[in-house]
Amino acid sequence: MITPSHTAIETLPFDIASSGDNIIVPLFVPATGLKLGATYVHSISLFPAAAVTVTLKAVNTVTTAARLWYEDMPLTAAQPFILENASPDSVYLYSLLPDEELVVELSSAVRCTGFTNASYFIG
């Protein structure tokens, strides 16, 4: 039996280029394959190589329901999209429920690199 534990903040890099949904924070811890109990997203940095419209959402892997965080954001070529927590009252930007993944939907096949900083409960 795994005892639930909270991880330190980890940087999760991504390099995506497919139109449609692209997972940037998976349901399982990348290094161990353990299923996440809850995920806390502390920051998101996305750097598109060309103009693209971006939707950021949490997608439930069981029901496929989505919670939209940002919808239809038009970005120009090489315009970075950076979200950071600036509030002293909260230690994270967003939380993902146990069966949710963080997804970036791209309007076209444009290469986007970046990273998220996240921590999670395991178990």
C-alpha atoms as a PDB file:
ATOM      1  CA  MET A   1       0.000   0.000   0.000  1.00  0.00           C
ATOM      2  CA  ILE A   2       1.258   3.471  -0.901  1.00  0.00           C
ATOM      3  CA  THR A   3       1.041   6.116   1.781  1.00  0.00           C
ATOM      4  CA  PRO A   4      -0.234   9.397   0.299  1.00  0.00           C
ATOM      5  CA  SER A   5       2.497  12.024   0.078  1.00  0.00           C
ATOM      6  CA  HIS A   6       2.962  15.500  -1.372  1.00  0.00           C
ATOM      7  CA  THR A   7       5.804  16.105  -3.802  1.00  0.00           C
ATOM      8  CA  ALA A   8       8.053  19.122  -4.185  1.00  0.00           C
ATOM      9  CA  ILE A   9       7.361  21.414  -7.138  1.00  0.00           C
ATOM     10  CA  GLU A  10       8.608  19.758 -10.319  1.00  0.00           C
ATOM     11  CA  THR A  11       9.251  21.247 -13.751  1.00  0.00           C
ATOM     12  CA  LEU A  12       7.491  19.286 -16.502  1.00  0.00           C
ATOM     13  CA  PRO A  13       8.819  20.303 -19.945  1.00  0.00           C
ATOM     14  CA  PHE A  14       6.763  19.778 -23.107  1.00  0.00           C
ATOM     15  CA  ASP A  15       7.321  20.006 -26.848  1.00  0.00           C
ATOM     16  CA  ILE A  16       4.084  19.693 -28.830  1.00  0.00           C
ATOM     17  CA  ALA A  17       3.200  20.271 -32.478  1.00  0.00           C
ATOM     18  CA  SER A  18      -0.152  18.580 -33.185  1.00  0.00           C
ATOM     19  CA  SER A  19      -3.381  20.425 -33.772  1.00  0.00           C
ATOM     20  CA  GLY A  20      -6.080  19.495 -31.287  1.00  0.00           C
ATOM     21  CA  ASP A  21      -5.548  18.247 -27.728  1.00  0.00           C
ATOM     22  CA  ASN A  22      -2.028  17.863 -26.322  1.00  0.00           C
ATOM     23  CA  ILE A  23      -1.453  16.633 -22.744  1.00  0.00           C
ATOM     24  CA  ILE A  24       1.077  18.749 -20.847  1.00  0.00           C
ATOM     25  CA  VAL A  25       0.411  17.479 -17.297  1.00  0.00           C
ATOM     26  CA  PRO A  26      -0.364  13.749 -17.372  1.00  0.00           C
ATOM     27  CA  LEU A  27      -2.481  11.698 -15.006  1.00  0.00           C
ATOM     28  CA  PHE A  28       0.561   9.684 -13.876  1.00  0.00           C
ATOM     29  CA  VAL A  29       3.815  10.911 -12.342  1.00  0.00           C
ATOM     30  CA  PRO A  30       6.260  10.868 -15.281  1.00  0.00           C
ATOM     31  CA  ALA A  31       9.256   9.542 -13.316  1.00  0.00           C
ATOM     32  CA  THR A  32       7.470   6.741 -11.437  1.00  0.00           C
ATOM     33  CA  GLY A  33       4.244   5.930 -13.265  1.00  0.00           C
ATOM     34  CA  LEU A  34       2.258   6.316 -10.022  1.00  0.00           C
ATOM     35  CA  LYS A  35      -1.305   7.632 -10.346  1.00  0.00           C
ATOM     36  CA  LEU A  36      -1.780  11.150  -9.057  1.00  0.00           C
ATOM     37  CA  GLY A  37      -4.198  11.902  -6.245  1.00  0.00           C
ATOM     38  CA  ALA A  38      -4.432  15.618  -7.051  1.00  0.00           C
ATOM     39  CA  THR A  39      -2.218  17.995  -8.999  1.00  0.00           C
ATOM     40  CA  TYR A  40      -1.424  21.616  -8.235  1.00  0.00           C
ATOM     41  CA  VAL A  41      -0.273  23.729 -11.188  1.00  0.00           C
ATOM     42  CA  HIS A  42       1.991  26.566 -10.037  1.00  0.00           C
ATOM     43  CA  SER A  43       2.921  28.077 -13.421  1.00  0.00           C
ATOM     44  CA  ILE A  44       2.572  27.498 -17.157  1.00  0.00           C
ATOM     45  CA  SER A  45       4.929  28.811 -19.848  1.00  0.00           C
ATOM     46  CA  LEU A  46       4.154  28.210 -23.536  1.00  0.00           C
ATOM     47  CA  PHE A  47       6.214  29.478 -26.484  1.00  0.00           C
ATOM     48  CA  PRO A  48       4.656  29.040 -29.965  1.00  0.00           C
ATOM     49  CA  ALA A  49       6.863  29.065 -33.071  1.00  0.00           C
ATOM     50  CA  ALA A  50       4.097  30.642 -35.181  1.00  0.00           C
ATOM     51  CA  ALA A  51       0.675  32.206 -34.765  1.00  0.00           C
ATOM     52  CA  VAL A  52      -1.842  29.846 -33.177  1.00  0.00           C
ATOM     53  CA  THR A  53      -5.019  29.944 -31.091  1.00  0.00           C
ATOM     54  CA  VAL A  54      -4.726  28.151 -27.761  1.00  0.00           C
ATOM     55  CA  THR A  55      -7.282  26.697 -25.342  1.00  0.00           C
ATOM     56  CA  LEU A  56      -6.137  25.537 -21.920  1.00  0.00           C
ATOM     57  CA  LYS A  57      -8.350  23.015 -20.111  1.00  0.00           C
ATOM     58  CA  ALA A  58      -8.533  20.240 -17.541  1.00  0.00           C
ATOM     59  CA  VAL A  59      -9.903  17.065 -19.122  1.00  0.00           C
ATOM     60  CA  ASN A  60     -11.347  14.183 -17.112  1.00  0.00           C
ATOM     61  CA  THR A  61      -9.931  10.885 -18.395  1.00  0.00           C
ATOM     62  CA  VAL A  62     -13.003   8.915 -17.284  1.00  0.00           C
ATOM     63  CA  THR A  63     -15.917  11.086 -18.415  1.00  0.00           C
ATOM     64  CA  THR A  64     -14.046  13.213 -21.035  1.00  0.00           C
ATOM     65  CA  ALA A  65     -15.706  16.308 -19.515  1.00  0.00           C
ATOM     66  CA  ALA A  66     -13.557  19.435 -19.716  1.00  0.00           C
ATOM     67  CA  ARG A  67     -13.167  22.423 -17.418  1.00  0.00           C
ATOM     68  CA  LEU A  68     -12.022  25.387 -19.504  1.00  0.00           C
ATOM     69  CA  TRP A  69      -9.342  27.611 -17.974  1.00  0.00           C
ATOM     70  CA  TYR A  70      -8.648  29.839 -20.988  1.00  0.00           C
ATOM     71  CA  GLU A  71     -10.485  29.569 -24.286  1.00  0.00           C
ATOM     72  CA  ASP A  72      -9.523  30.663 -27.809  1.00  0.00           C
ATOM     73  CA  MET A  73      -6.502  32.813 -26.980  1.00  0.00           C
ATOM     74  CA  PRO A  74      -4.960  34.052 -30.230  1.00  0.00           C
ATOM     75  CA  LEU A  75      -1.159  34.194 -29.998  1.00  0.00           C
ATOM     76  CA  THR A  76       1.032  35.817 -32.626  1.00  0.00           C
ATOM     77  CA  ALA A  77       4.267  34.277 -33.878  1.00  0.00           C
ATOM     78  CA  ALA A  78       6.716  33.792 -31.030  1.00  0.00           C
ATOM     79  CA  GLN A  79       4.351  35.460 -28.504  1.00  0.00           C
ATOM     80  CA  PRO A  80       4.914  33.724 -25.163  1.00  0.00           C
ATOM     81  CA  PHE A  81       2.004  32.777 -22.931  1.00  0.00           C
ATOM     82  CA  ILE A  82       3.035  32.740 -19.280  1.00  0.00           C
ATOM     83  CA  LEU A  83       0.803  32.214 -16.249  1.00  0.00           C
ATOM     84  CA  GLU A  84       2.309  32.556 -12.799  1.00  0.00           C
ATOM     85  CA  ASN A  85       0.769  32.789  -9.376  1.00  0.00           C
ATOM     86  CA  ALA A  86       1.122  36.365  -8.139  1.00  0.00           C
ATOM     87  CA  SER A  87      -1.276  36.068  -5.210  1.00  0.00           C
ATOM     88  CA  PRO A  88       0.152  35.760  -1.706  1.00  0.00           C
ATOM     89  CA  ASP A  89      -3.125  34.094  -0.662  1.00  0.00           C
ATOM     90  CA  SER A  90      -2.688  31.008  -2.834  1.00  0.00           C
ATOM     91  CA  VAL A  91       0.246  28.690  -3.403  1.00  0.00           C
ATOM     92  CA  TYR A  92      -0.895  27.481  -6.827  1.00  0.00           C
ATOM     93  CA  LEU A  93      -2.753  28.676  -9.941  1.00  0.00           C
ATOM     94  CA  TYR A  94      -5.077  25.731 -10.536  1.00  0.00           C
ATOM     95  CA  SER A  95      -5.761  22.303  -9.155  1.00  0.00           C
ATOM     96  CA  LEU A  96      -6.468  19.180 -11.156  1.00  0.00           C
ATOM     97  CA  LEU A  97      -8.790  16.547  -9.735  1.00  0.00           C
ATOM     98  CA  PRO A  98      -7.509  12.955  -9.452  1.00  0.00           C
ATOM     99  CA  ASP A  99      -8.811  11.890 -12.891  1.00  0.00           C
ATOM    100  CA  GLU A 100      -7.880  15.079 -14.784  1.00  0.00           C
ATOM    101  CA  GLU A 101      -5.016  15.951 -17.117  1.00  0.00           C
ATOM    102  CA  LEU A 102      -3.934  19.431 -18.178  1.00  0.00           C
ATOM    103  CA  VAL A 103      -4.448  19.815 -21.929  1.00  0.00           C
ATOM    104  CA  VAL A 104      -3.440  22.486 -24.434  1.00  0.00           C
ATOM    105  CA  GLU A 105      -5.636  22.542 -27.533  1.00  0.00           C
ATOM    106  CA  LEU A 106      -3.914  24.068 -30.571  1.00  0.00           C
ATOM    107  CA  SER A 107      -5.932  25.433 -33.506  1.00  0.00           C
ATOM    108  CA  SER A 108      -3.283  24.233 -35.985  1.00  0.00           C
ATOM    109  CA  ALA A 109      -0.135  22.126 -36.130  1.00  0.00           C
ATOM    110  CA  VAL A 110       2.304  24.655 -34.678  1.00  0.00           C
ATOM    111  CA  ARG A 111       5.325  23.704 -32.622  1.00  0.00           C
ATOM    112  CA  CYS A 112       5.013  24.922 -29.032  1.00  0.00           C
ATOM    113  CA  THR A 113       7.625  24.349 -26.372  1.00  0.00           C
ATOM    114  CA  GLY A 114       7.409  25.198 -22.702  1.00  0.00           C
ATOM    115  CA  PHE A 115       7.003  23.843 -19.229  1.00  0.00           C
ATOM    116  CA  THR A 116       4.666  23.652 -16.276  1.00  0.00           C
ATOM    117  CA  ASN A 117       5.642  23.745 -12.631  1.00  0.00           C
ATOM    118  CA  ALA A 118       3.456  21.380 -10.646  1.00  0.00           C
ATOM    119  CA  SER A 119       3.284  19.459  -7.409  1.00  0.00           C
ATOM    120  CA  TYR A 120       0.961  16.620  -6.515  1.00  0.00           C
ATOM    121  CA  PHE A 121      -0.346  14.195  -3.996  1.00  0.00           C
ATOM    122  CA  ILE A 122       0.465  10.582  -4.780  1.00  0.00           C
ATOM    123  CA  GLY A 123      -1.592   7.688  -3.562  1.00  0.00           C
END
